[in-house]
Amino acid sequence: MTWLVIGTGPAGLAAIKSFRQAALAVEAVERHADVGGQWLYGADSSAVYASTHLISSKKTTAFADFPMPSDWPAYPGHAQVLQYLRDYAAHFGLTPLIRFNTSVQTLTREGEGWRATFSDGSTKPYAGVVIANGHLTDPLLPKVPGEFSGRVMHAKDYRTPDIFDGKTVLVVGMGNTGCDIVVDAIHRAKRVLWSVRGGNHFVPKFIAGKPADEGNHKPKRFILPKKLRAMLHEPLLRLLVGPPERFGLPRPQHRLYDRTPIVNSLVLQHLGQGDVQLRKPVREFRGDTVVFADGREDKADLVLFATGYRITFPFIDDLAVLNWQAAKQSPQLHLNIFPPADNNLFVAGLLEGAGVGWAGRALQTDLIAAYVKARQKNPAAASAFRSSIVAGCAQSSEDRGEHGIFVDFLHYKRDLQAAIAALS
C-alpha cells in the first residue's frame, strides 16, 4: 500500500526520496504548481521576501548527497535556493511522484492507515502519512488594545521595501526576519522604529572571510555538551560582534545554543549609526499613535509584526493523534517526528535550531523510512524503537523554546543517525 507525503518543501522532498530508496511505495501532494515550499517566492503560503538569503551557509544547509554549486555565494538568495530544490527533485527523479495543484482537505483514520480527501474532491486510502506542510504559514499577530489608523501587517505578507517609502515604520519583533526587515526599511522609510521584547545572541555570517557556521560542522568523534560549547563561544561572539546591550538591545537571558541566534550584523551597524530607534513592547494603539510599555508614544504610518507563526495542521480534526500540547500550541513528538500512538502518522521538518540544515531533515525522513521498513523486516528492532518513542514523548519540552521544538543540531543529528543504525 502507498504512503502519502504532504508538501514538497525540503522535508517533503527528502521524505519522497527516503521512502523511494527504501523500496516503499510513495506519492506526494503539493498545493502549488512547483516544489520548494517556503522558498516558492510569491506563493500565498510563502513567507519569503525579496531580500531573503539563507542564514546558514550553503555547505551546512544543502542535502549531504547533493551539494550546492561551488560557484554560488556562501549564502544564496531565495531564487537560487528554489532552483536548487527544483534540481534536487529532478536529479533524484522525485517530480513524477508529485501531484501538483492539489491540497489535502482531510485525513481520516481508516483501519491501520489513513484516507485522504483532496481539494479536487477525490479520496484515496494510504498506509500512512508523512506530514511536511511546514510551520511558517499561519501568521501569529498579537492582540493589541485600541485601533490603529495606519496599515498593520505581518511579516508573512511582506515582499518588497517600496511599501516603506517616505513612511514612519514600526517593526515589532527581533527574530531573523524582523532584523532583515528593519535593514530593508532603513533604506526606504522616513523613520524606522524597532520594538523588541527579549534579547538574543548575534552571530556574524563570516569570520576571517569564511562562513562562521562551518567550523561547528566539522566531523567530531566527541560532541561537547551544548552548555559547555556556549560557555566557550559566547565570549568569542561578544568580542567579535559586541555585546547586544552596547547597542541598546536587551541582554539575552538564554545560552547561545538554546535558541536560534540572530545571523545579521547589518542591523547592529545601523543601530550604532542611529538609523533605527529602539522601543519597548507595544502596549496599545491610539489612532495614528503607538503607545509603548514604558509610556512613550510615537506616530507611525505602518506597523509590521515579525512575531512568528502558529503551528497548524488544517487537515486533521482531532490533533490528539499528534499528541497536541495546548500550552505550547504544538505537538509533542519523539525526535520531533513520532507521536506516542502507533498510528502511521509522522511529521518531518517541524523543528527550530540553526545548523540542522536539510541534511538533518533528510535524516528525519530516513529514520521514518527505516522504522517503517523495520516493522516488516526487523520487528524486534522496531518494537524497541517504539518503546523509545513512547518514552521520548513523555519527556518535558520546557527548555526547547516557545513551541517546544528547538533542537541542538549536533546532538539531534547524532541521535537520528544512532536510531537509523539501530533499525537497520
Protein backbone atom coordinates (compact mmCIF):
# COMPACT_ATOMS: atom_id res chain seq x y z
CA MET A 1 0.00 0.00 0.00
CA THR A 2 1.21 3.52 -0.81
CA TRP A 3 2.44 6.15 1.65
CA LEU A 4 1.48 9.82 1.30
CA VAL A 5 3.78 12.82 1.75
CA ILE A 6 2.07 16.19 2.27
CA GLY A 7 4.15 19.10 0.97
CA THR A 8 7.25 19.35 -1.23
CA GLY A 9 9.49 21.76 0.58
CA PRO A 10 12.92 20.43 1.64
CA ALA A 11 11.47 17.99 4.21
CA GLY A 12 8.78 16.73 1.84
CA LEU A 13 11.25 16.14 -0.97
CA ALA A 14 13.55 14.33 1.45
CA ALA A 15 10.64 12.11 2.54
CA ILE A 16 9.81 11.09 -1.03
CA LYS A 17 13.45 10.20 -1.64
CA SER A 18 13.81 8.29 1.64
CA PHE A 19 10.75 6.15 1.02
CA ARG A 20 11.67 5.52 -2.59
CA GLN A 21 15.18 4.42 -1.64
CA ALA A 22 13.69 2.10 0.98
CA ALA A 23 11.54 0.49 -1.75
CA LEU A 24 8.34 1.76 -0.12
CA ALA A 25 5.55 2.89 -2.43
CA VAL A 26 5.14 6.65 -2.04
CA GLU A 27 3.48 9.65 -3.64
CA ALA A 28 3.18 13.29 -2.65
CA VAL A 29 0.74 16.15 -2.98
CA GLU A 30 1.67 19.80 -3.32
CA ARG A 31 -0.89 22.58 -3.30
CA HIS A 32 1.21 24.77 -5.57
CA ALA A 33 2.40 24.20 -9.13
CA ASP A 34 6.04 23.74 -8.14
CA VAL A 35 8.27 22.29 -5.45
CA GLY A 36 10.03 24.48 -2.91
CA GLY A 37 7.63 25.08 -0.04
CA GLN A 38 8.59 28.30 1.72
CA TRP A 39 11.13 29.07 -1.00
CA LEU A 40 8.42 29.45 -3.63
CA TYR A 41 8.59 33.24 -3.61
CA GLY A 42 5.23 34.89 -4.22
CA ALA A 43 3.12 31.87 -3.30
CA ASP A 44 0.37 32.59 -0.79
CA SER A 45 1.91 30.18 1.72
CA SER A 46 5.44 31.57 1.40
CA ALA A 47 6.98 33.92 3.96
CA VAL A 48 9.97 34.68 1.70
CA TYR A 49 10.64 38.33 0.85
CA ALA A 50 12.78 39.81 -1.92
CA SER A 51 15.93 40.19 0.20
CA THR A 52 15.76 36.71 1.76
CA HIS A 53 19.01 34.75 1.86
CA LEU A 54 19.98 31.63 3.73
CA ILE A 55 21.06 32.33 7.30
CA SER A 56 23.11 29.14 7.35
CA SER A 57 25.80 28.70 4.73
CA LYS A 58 25.25 26.62 1.62
CA LYS A 59 27.56 23.86 2.87
CA THR A 60 25.70 23.44 6.14
CA THR A 61 22.26 23.84 4.54
CA ALA A 62 22.47 21.55 1.50
CA PHE A 63 21.50 17.89 1.40
CA ALA A 64 24.53 15.72 2.14
CA ASP A 65 24.33 13.92 -1.21
CA PHE A 66 23.59 16.99 -3.34
CA PRO A 67 25.90 19.96 -2.66
CA MET A 68 25.06 23.41 -3.92
CA PRO A 69 27.16 24.63 -6.88
CA SER A 70 30.68 25.66 -5.96
CA ASP A 71 30.38 28.96 -7.84
CA TRP A 72 27.34 30.06 -5.82
CA PRO A 73 27.81 32.53 -2.97
CA ALA A 74 28.18 31.22 0.57
CA TYR A 75 24.68 32.41 1.47
CA PRO A 76 22.48 32.08 -1.64
CA GLY A 77 19.36 34.16 -2.17
CA HIS A 78 15.86 32.74 -2.43
CA ALA A 79 15.86 32.38 -6.24
CA GLN A 80 18.97 30.20 -6.16
CA VAL A 81 17.62 28.17 -3.25
CA LEU A 82 14.40 27.47 -5.17
CA GLN A 83 16.40 26.40 -8.22
CA TYR A 84 18.47 24.10 -6.02
CA LEU A 85 15.33 22.38 -4.72
CA ARG A 86 13.98 22.02 -8.27
CA ASP A 87 17.30 20.49 -9.33
CA TYR A 88 17.27 18.15 -6.33
CA ALA A 89 13.78 16.89 -7.22
CA ALA A 90 14.79 16.39 -10.86
CA HIS A 91 18.15 14.75 -10.06
CA PHE A 92 16.59 12.08 -7.85
CA GLY A 93 13.53 11.55 -10.04
CA LEU A 94 11.05 12.81 -7.46
CA THR A 95 8.92 15.08 -9.64
CA PRO A 96 6.85 12.30 -11.32
CA LEU A 97 5.75 11.16 -7.85
CA ILE A 98 4.22 14.56 -7.01
CA ARG A 99 0.64 15.59 -7.66
CA PHE A 100 0.72 19.37 -8.04
CA ASN A 101 -2.04 21.97 -7.54
CA THR A 102 -3.65 19.63 -5.04
CA SER A 103 -4.10 20.04 -1.30
CA VAL A 104 -5.25 17.66 1.41
CA GLN A 105 -8.59 18.71 2.86
CA THR A 106 -8.99 15.97 5.47
CA LEU A 107 -7.22 12.94 6.85
CA THR A 108 -9.50 10.27 8.30
CA ARG A 109 -8.39 7.13 10.12
CA GLU A 110 -9.20 4.01 8.12
CA GLY A 111 -8.08 0.69 9.57
CA GLU A 112 -4.34 0.84 10.23
CA GLY A 113 -3.91 3.65 7.71
CA TRP A 114 -5.48 6.91 6.62
CA ARG A 115 -7.85 8.11 3.92
CA ALA A 116 -7.04 11.47 2.37
CA THR A 117 -9.63 13.70 0.78
CA PHE A 118 -8.18 16.14 -1.73
CA SER A 119 -9.13 19.58 -2.97
CA ASP A 120 -10.44 18.16 -6.24
CA GLY A 121 -12.94 16.00 -4.34
CA SER A 122 -11.10 12.72 -4.83
CA THR A 123 -10.19 10.38 -1.97
CA LYS A 124 -7.61 7.64 -1.55
CA PRO A 125 -6.50 5.29 1.21
CA TYR A 126 -2.87 5.23 2.32
CA ALA A 127 -0.75 3.02 4.56
CA GLY A 128 0.32 6.15 6.42
CA VAL A 129 1.22 9.80 6.05
CA VAL A 130 4.36 11.91 6.39
CA ILE A 131 3.27 15.46 7.18
CA ALA A 132 5.70 18.03 5.80
CA ASN A 133 3.39 21.02 5.47
CA GLY A 134 5.79 23.46 7.16
CA HIS A 135 5.25 25.75 10.11
CA LEU A 136 5.74 29.24 8.64
CA THR A 137 2.34 29.64 7.01
CA ASP A 138 -0.19 30.78 9.64
CA PRO A 139 0.96 34.18 10.99
CA LEU A 140 0.75 34.95 14.69
CA LEU A 141 -0.49 38.50 15.22
CA PRO A 142 -0.57 39.75 18.81
CA LYS A 143 -3.76 41.35 20.04
CA VAL A 144 -3.03 45.00 20.74
CA PRO A 145 -5.69 47.10 22.53
CA GLY A 146 -7.07 50.06 20.62
CA GLU A 147 -7.34 50.90 16.93
CA PHE A 148 -4.55 51.92 14.59
CA SER A 149 -5.43 54.23 11.70
CA GLY A 150 -2.44 53.28 9.57
CA ARG A 151 -1.52 49.98 8.00
CA VAL A 152 -0.94 46.89 10.15
CA MET A 153 0.63 43.83 8.57
CA HIS A 154 2.53 40.66 9.40
CA ALA A 155 5.95 39.78 8.00
CA LYS A 156 4.26 36.89 6.19
CA ASP A 157 2.77 39.45 3.77
CA TYR A 158 5.96 41.47 3.29
CA ARG A 159 7.69 41.17 -0.07
CA THR A 160 9.48 44.36 -1.19
CA PRO A 161 10.65 47.52 0.65
CA ASP A 162 8.83 50.00 -1.59
CA ILE A 163 5.92 49.85 0.88
CA PHE A 164 8.11 51.81 3.31
CA ASP A 165 8.77 54.78 1.02
CA GLY A 166 8.51 58.06 2.94
CA LYS A 167 6.78 56.47 5.93
CA THR A 168 7.41 56.17 9.63
CA VAL A 169 7.65 52.42 10.10
CA LEU A 170 7.49 50.37 13.29
CA VAL A 171 8.84 46.83 13.12
CA VAL A 172 7.85 44.60 16.04
CA GLY A 173 9.93 41.52 16.76
CA MET A 174 13.59 40.54 16.98
CA GLY A 175 13.90 37.27 15.09
CA ASN A 176 15.99 36.95 11.97
CA THR A 177 13.05 38.09 9.84
CA GLY A 178 12.46 41.18 11.96
CA CYS A 179 16.13 42.13 11.71
CA ASP A 180 16.14 41.69 7.92
CA ILE A 181 13.06 43.87 7.53
CA VAL A 182 14.47 46.59 9.77
CA VAL A 183 17.52 46.73 7.47
CA ASP A 184 15.26 46.83 4.38
CA ALA A 185 13.14 49.62 5.85
CA ILE A 186 16.09 51.82 6.76
CA HIS A 187 16.92 52.42 3.10
CA ARG A 188 13.39 53.50 2.13
CA ALA A 189 11.50 54.79 5.16
CA LYS A 190 11.47 58.30 6.56
CA ARG A 191 11.96 56.91 10.06
CA VAL A 192 12.31 53.38 11.47
CA LEU A 193 11.30 52.31 14.97
CA TRP A 194 12.04 48.83 16.29
CA SER A 195 10.07 47.32 19.16
CA VAL A 196 11.84 44.44 20.91
CA ARG A 197 10.95 42.33 23.92
CA GLY A 198 13.65 39.79 24.82
CA GLY A 199 17.31 39.61 23.91
CA ASN A 200 19.19 37.25 21.64
CA HIS A 201 22.74 36.40 20.61
CA PHE A 202 24.12 37.83 17.37
CA VAL A 203 26.31 35.69 15.14
CA PRO A 204 28.25 37.06 12.14
CA LYS A 205 27.87 35.37 8.77
CA PHE A 206 31.62 35.46 8.18
CA ILE A 207 34.70 35.12 10.36
CA ALA A 208 38.06 35.72 8.67
CA GLY A 209 36.29 35.72 5.33
CA LYS A 210 34.76 32.25 5.77
CA PRO A 211 31.18 31.27 6.72
CA ALA A 212 31.06 31.36 10.51
CA ASP A 213 28.93 28.22 10.87
CA GLU A 214 31.21 25.80 9.01
CA GLY A 215 33.54 25.20 11.95
CA ASN A 216 30.70 23.74 14.01
CA HIS A 217 30.02 21.14 11.32
CA LYS A 218 33.43 19.53 11.02
CA PRO A 219 33.28 15.81 11.88
CA LYS A 220 33.85 15.20 15.58
CA ARG A 221 34.16 11.96 17.49
CA PHE A 222 33.10 13.68 20.70
CA ILE A 223 30.41 16.35 20.95
CA LEU A 224 30.78 18.85 23.76
CA PRO A 225 27.62 19.44 25.80
CA LYS A 226 25.83 22.49 24.45
CA LYS A 227 26.21 24.39 27.75
CA LEU A 228 29.98 23.98 27.59
CA ARG A 229 30.01 24.95 23.90
CA ALA A 230 28.04 28.07 24.79
CA MET A 231 30.46 28.95 27.59
CA LEU A 232 33.34 28.71 25.11
CA HIS A 233 31.70 30.53 22.20
CA GLU A 234 29.73 33.32 23.88
CA PRO A 235 32.83 35.31 24.95
CA LEU A 236 34.20 35.00 21.42
CA LEU A 237 30.96 36.39 19.95
CA ARG A 238 30.92 39.27 22.40
CA LEU A 239 34.46 40.08 21.28
CA LEU A 240 33.77 39.75 17.54
CA VAL A 241 30.28 41.27 17.37
CA GLY A 242 29.98 43.17 20.62
CA PRO A 243 27.50 42.70 23.45
CA PRO A 244 23.95 43.39 22.19
CA GLU A 245 23.33 45.65 25.18
CA ARG A 246 26.01 48.06 23.92
CA PHE A 247 23.64 48.76 21.04
CA GLY A 248 20.71 49.28 23.41
CA LEU A 249 19.24 45.80 22.98
CA PRO A 250 18.25 43.60 25.93
CA ARG A 251 20.90 41.19 27.18
CA PRO A 252 19.91 37.62 26.21
CA GLN A 253 18.70 35.55 29.12
CA HIS A 254 19.38 32.21 27.43
CA ARG A 255 22.57 30.47 26.39
CA LEU A 256 23.83 30.63 22.80
CA TYR A 257 22.75 27.11 21.80
CA ASP A 258 19.35 27.21 23.50
CA ARG A 259 17.65 29.27 20.76
CA THR A 260 18.21 30.17 17.11
CA PRO A 261 20.61 33.15 17.13
CA ILE A 262 20.36 36.28 15.00
CA VAL A 263 22.57 35.97 11.93
CA ASN A 264 22.59 39.63 10.94
CA SER A 265 25.40 42.07 11.64
CA LEU A 266 23.96 44.87 9.50
CA VAL A 267 21.18 45.67 11.93
CA LEU A 268 23.75 46.28 14.68
CA GLN A 269 25.66 48.59 12.38
CA HIS A 270 22.51 50.59 11.71
CA LEU A 271 21.75 50.76 15.42
CA GLY A 272 25.25 52.09 16.02
CA GLN A 273 24.75 54.69 13.30
CA GLY A 274 21.43 55.83 14.73
CA ASP A 275 19.48 54.74 11.62
CA VAL A 276 16.89 52.91 13.73
CA GLN A 277 15.42 53.78 17.11
CA LEU A 278 14.65 51.10 19.67
CA ARG A 279 11.34 50.94 21.51
CA LYS A 280 9.81 48.82 24.28
CA PRO A 281 6.99 46.33 23.55
CA VAL A 282 3.75 47.81 22.17
CA ARG A 283 1.09 48.50 24.80
CA GLU A 284 -1.76 49.98 22.74
CA PHE A 285 -2.83 51.84 19.61
CA ARG A 286 -4.48 55.27 19.60
CA GLY A 287 -5.34 56.30 16.05
CA ASP A 288 -2.03 57.05 14.33
CA THR A 289 -0.12 56.77 17.62
CA VAL A 290 1.60 53.74 19.14
CA VAL A 291 1.96 53.63 22.91
CA PHE A 292 4.80 51.53 24.29
CA ALA A 293 5.19 49.68 27.57
CA ASP A 294 7.24 52.49 29.14
CA GLY A 295 4.58 55.09 28.26
CA ARG A 296 6.45 56.55 25.31
CA GLU A 297 4.33 57.47 22.29
CA ASP A 298 5.21 57.72 18.59
CA LYS A 299 3.17 58.41 15.49
CA ALA A 300 3.54 55.81 12.75
CA ASP A 301 2.22 55.11 9.28
CA LEU A 302 2.87 51.38 9.15
CA VAL A 303 3.26 48.71 11.82
CA LEU A 304 4.81 45.41 10.75
CA PHE A 305 4.70 42.47 13.15
CA ALA A 306 7.53 39.95 12.75
CA THR A 307 6.10 37.92 15.58
CA GLY A 308 6.24 34.34 14.38
CA TYR A 309 3.74 31.74 13.31
CA ARG A 310 1.21 29.25 14.59
CA ILE A 311 1.82 25.56 14.05
CA THR A 312 -1.21 24.24 12.20
CA PHE A 313 -2.42 21.00 10.62
CA PRO A 314 -5.68 22.14 8.98
CA PHE A 315 -6.48 18.71 7.53
CA ILE A 316 -6.62 16.98 10.94
CA ASP A 317 -9.77 17.46 13.03
CA ASP A 318 -8.52 15.95 16.29
CA LEU A 319 -4.92 16.94 16.95
CA ALA A 320 -4.71 14.42 19.79
CA VAL A 321 -3.43 11.97 17.16
CA LEU A 322 -0.25 14.10 17.11
CA ASN A 323 -0.05 14.45 20.91
CA TRP A 324 -1.04 18.12 20.73
CA GLN A 325 0.01 20.25 23.71
CA ALA A 326 -2.30 23.22 24.24
CA ALA A 327 0.21 25.06 26.44
CA LYS A 328 2.86 25.01 23.70
CA GLN A 329 0.40 25.13 20.79
CA SER A 330 2.37 22.35 19.15
CA PRO A 331 2.61 18.55 19.10
CA GLN A 332 5.00 16.80 21.45
CA LEU A 333 6.80 14.24 19.32
CA HIS A 334 9.75 11.94 19.88
CA LEU A 335 12.67 13.43 17.94
CA ASN A 336 10.16 15.98 16.60
CA ILE A 337 8.81 13.20 14.36
CA PHE A 338 6.90 10.43 16.13
CA PRO A 339 3.68 10.75 18.19
CA PRO A 340 3.27 8.26 21.07
CA ALA A 341 0.38 6.47 19.36
CA ASP A 342 1.38 3.86 16.77
CA ASN A 343 -0.89 5.40 14.15
CA ASN A 344 1.23 5.68 10.99
CA LEU A 345 1.38 9.47 11.19
CA PHE A 346 4.80 11.11 11.11
CA VAL A 347 5.93 14.73 10.96
CA ALA A 348 9.01 15.94 9.06
CA GLY A 349 10.62 19.36 9.21
CA LEU A 350 8.88 20.58 12.37
CA LEU A 351 11.84 21.94 14.30
CA GLU A 352 13.79 25.03 15.21
CA GLY A 353 17.54 25.11 15.52
CA ALA A 354 20.29 26.62 13.41
CA GLY A 355 22.61 24.02 11.94
CA VAL A 356 20.17 21.18 11.31
CA GLY A 357 20.02 22.06 7.63
CA TRP A 358 18.34 19.93 5.03
CA ALA A 359 20.75 17.10 5.71
CA GLY A 360 19.16 16.90 9.16
CA ARG A 361 15.69 16.83 7.66
CA ALA A 362 16.81 14.03 5.36
CA LEU A 363 17.97 12.12 8.43
CA GLN A 364 14.47 12.59 9.86
CA THR A 365 12.85 11.06 6.81
CA ASP A 366 15.48 8.32 6.54
CA LEU A 367 14.57 7.39 10.11
CA ILE A 368 10.85 7.30 9.31
CA ALA A 369 11.50 5.03 6.34
CA ALA A 370 13.87 2.85 8.39
CA TYR A 371 11.22 2.42 11.09
CA VAL A 372 8.51 1.52 8.57
CA LYS A 373 10.85 -0.94 6.91
CA ALA A 374 11.97 -2.45 10.23
CA ARG A 375 8.38 -3.23 11.16
CA GLN A 376 8.39 -5.57 8.16
CA LYS A 377 11.96 -6.89 8.24
CA ASN A 378 13.18 -6.45 11.82
CA PRO A 379 10.18 -6.38 14.19
CA ALA A 380 12.32 -6.72 17.32
CA ALA A 381 14.25 -3.55 16.49
CA ALA A 382 11.03 -1.77 15.55
CA SER A 383 9.42 -2.79 18.86
CA ALA A 384 12.40 -1.49 20.83
CA PHE A 385 12.25 1.79 18.96
CA ARG A 386 8.52 2.04 19.60
CA SER A 387 9.30 1.90 23.33
CA SER A 388 11.77 4.74 22.81
CA ILE A 389 9.06 6.76 21.06
CA VAL A 390 6.66 6.44 23.98
CA ALA A 391 9.38 7.33 26.49
CA GLY A 392 10.59 10.25 24.40
CA CYS A 393 7.11 11.75 24.08
CA ALA A 394 6.78 11.70 27.87
CA GLN A 395 9.84 13.91 28.36
CA SER A 396 9.42 17.60 29.13
CA SER A 397 9.91 20.14 26.35
CA GLU A 398 10.07 23.15 28.69
CA ASP A 399 13.65 24.01 27.76
CA ARG A 400 13.09 23.74 24.00
CA GLY A 401 11.73 27.12 23.05
CA GLU A 402 8.29 28.68 22.85
CA HIS A 403 6.77 25.78 20.91
CA GLY A 404 8.96 23.06 22.41
CA ILE A 405 10.51 22.15 19.04
CA PHE A 406 14.03 23.60 19.36
CA VAL A 407 16.88 21.11 18.96
CA ASP A 408 20.63 21.29 19.44
CA PHE A 409 21.76 20.36 15.94
CA LEU A 410 24.87 18.38 16.87
CA HIS A 411 23.17 16.12 19.39
CA TYR A 412 19.99 15.92 17.32
CA LYS A 413 21.71 14.69 14.15
CA ARG A 414 23.77 12.23 16.19
CA ASP A 415 20.58 10.85 17.79
CA LEU A 416 18.91 10.46 14.39
CA GLN A 417 21.92 8.62 12.99
CA ALA A 418 22.04 6.30 16.01
CA ALA A 419 18.33 5.48 15.69
CA ILE A 420 18.70 4.71 11.98
CA ALA A 421 21.64 2.39 12.72
CA ALA A 422 19.66 0.56 15.41
CA LEU A 423 16.80 -0.10 12.98
CA SER A 424 19.00 -1.19 10.08
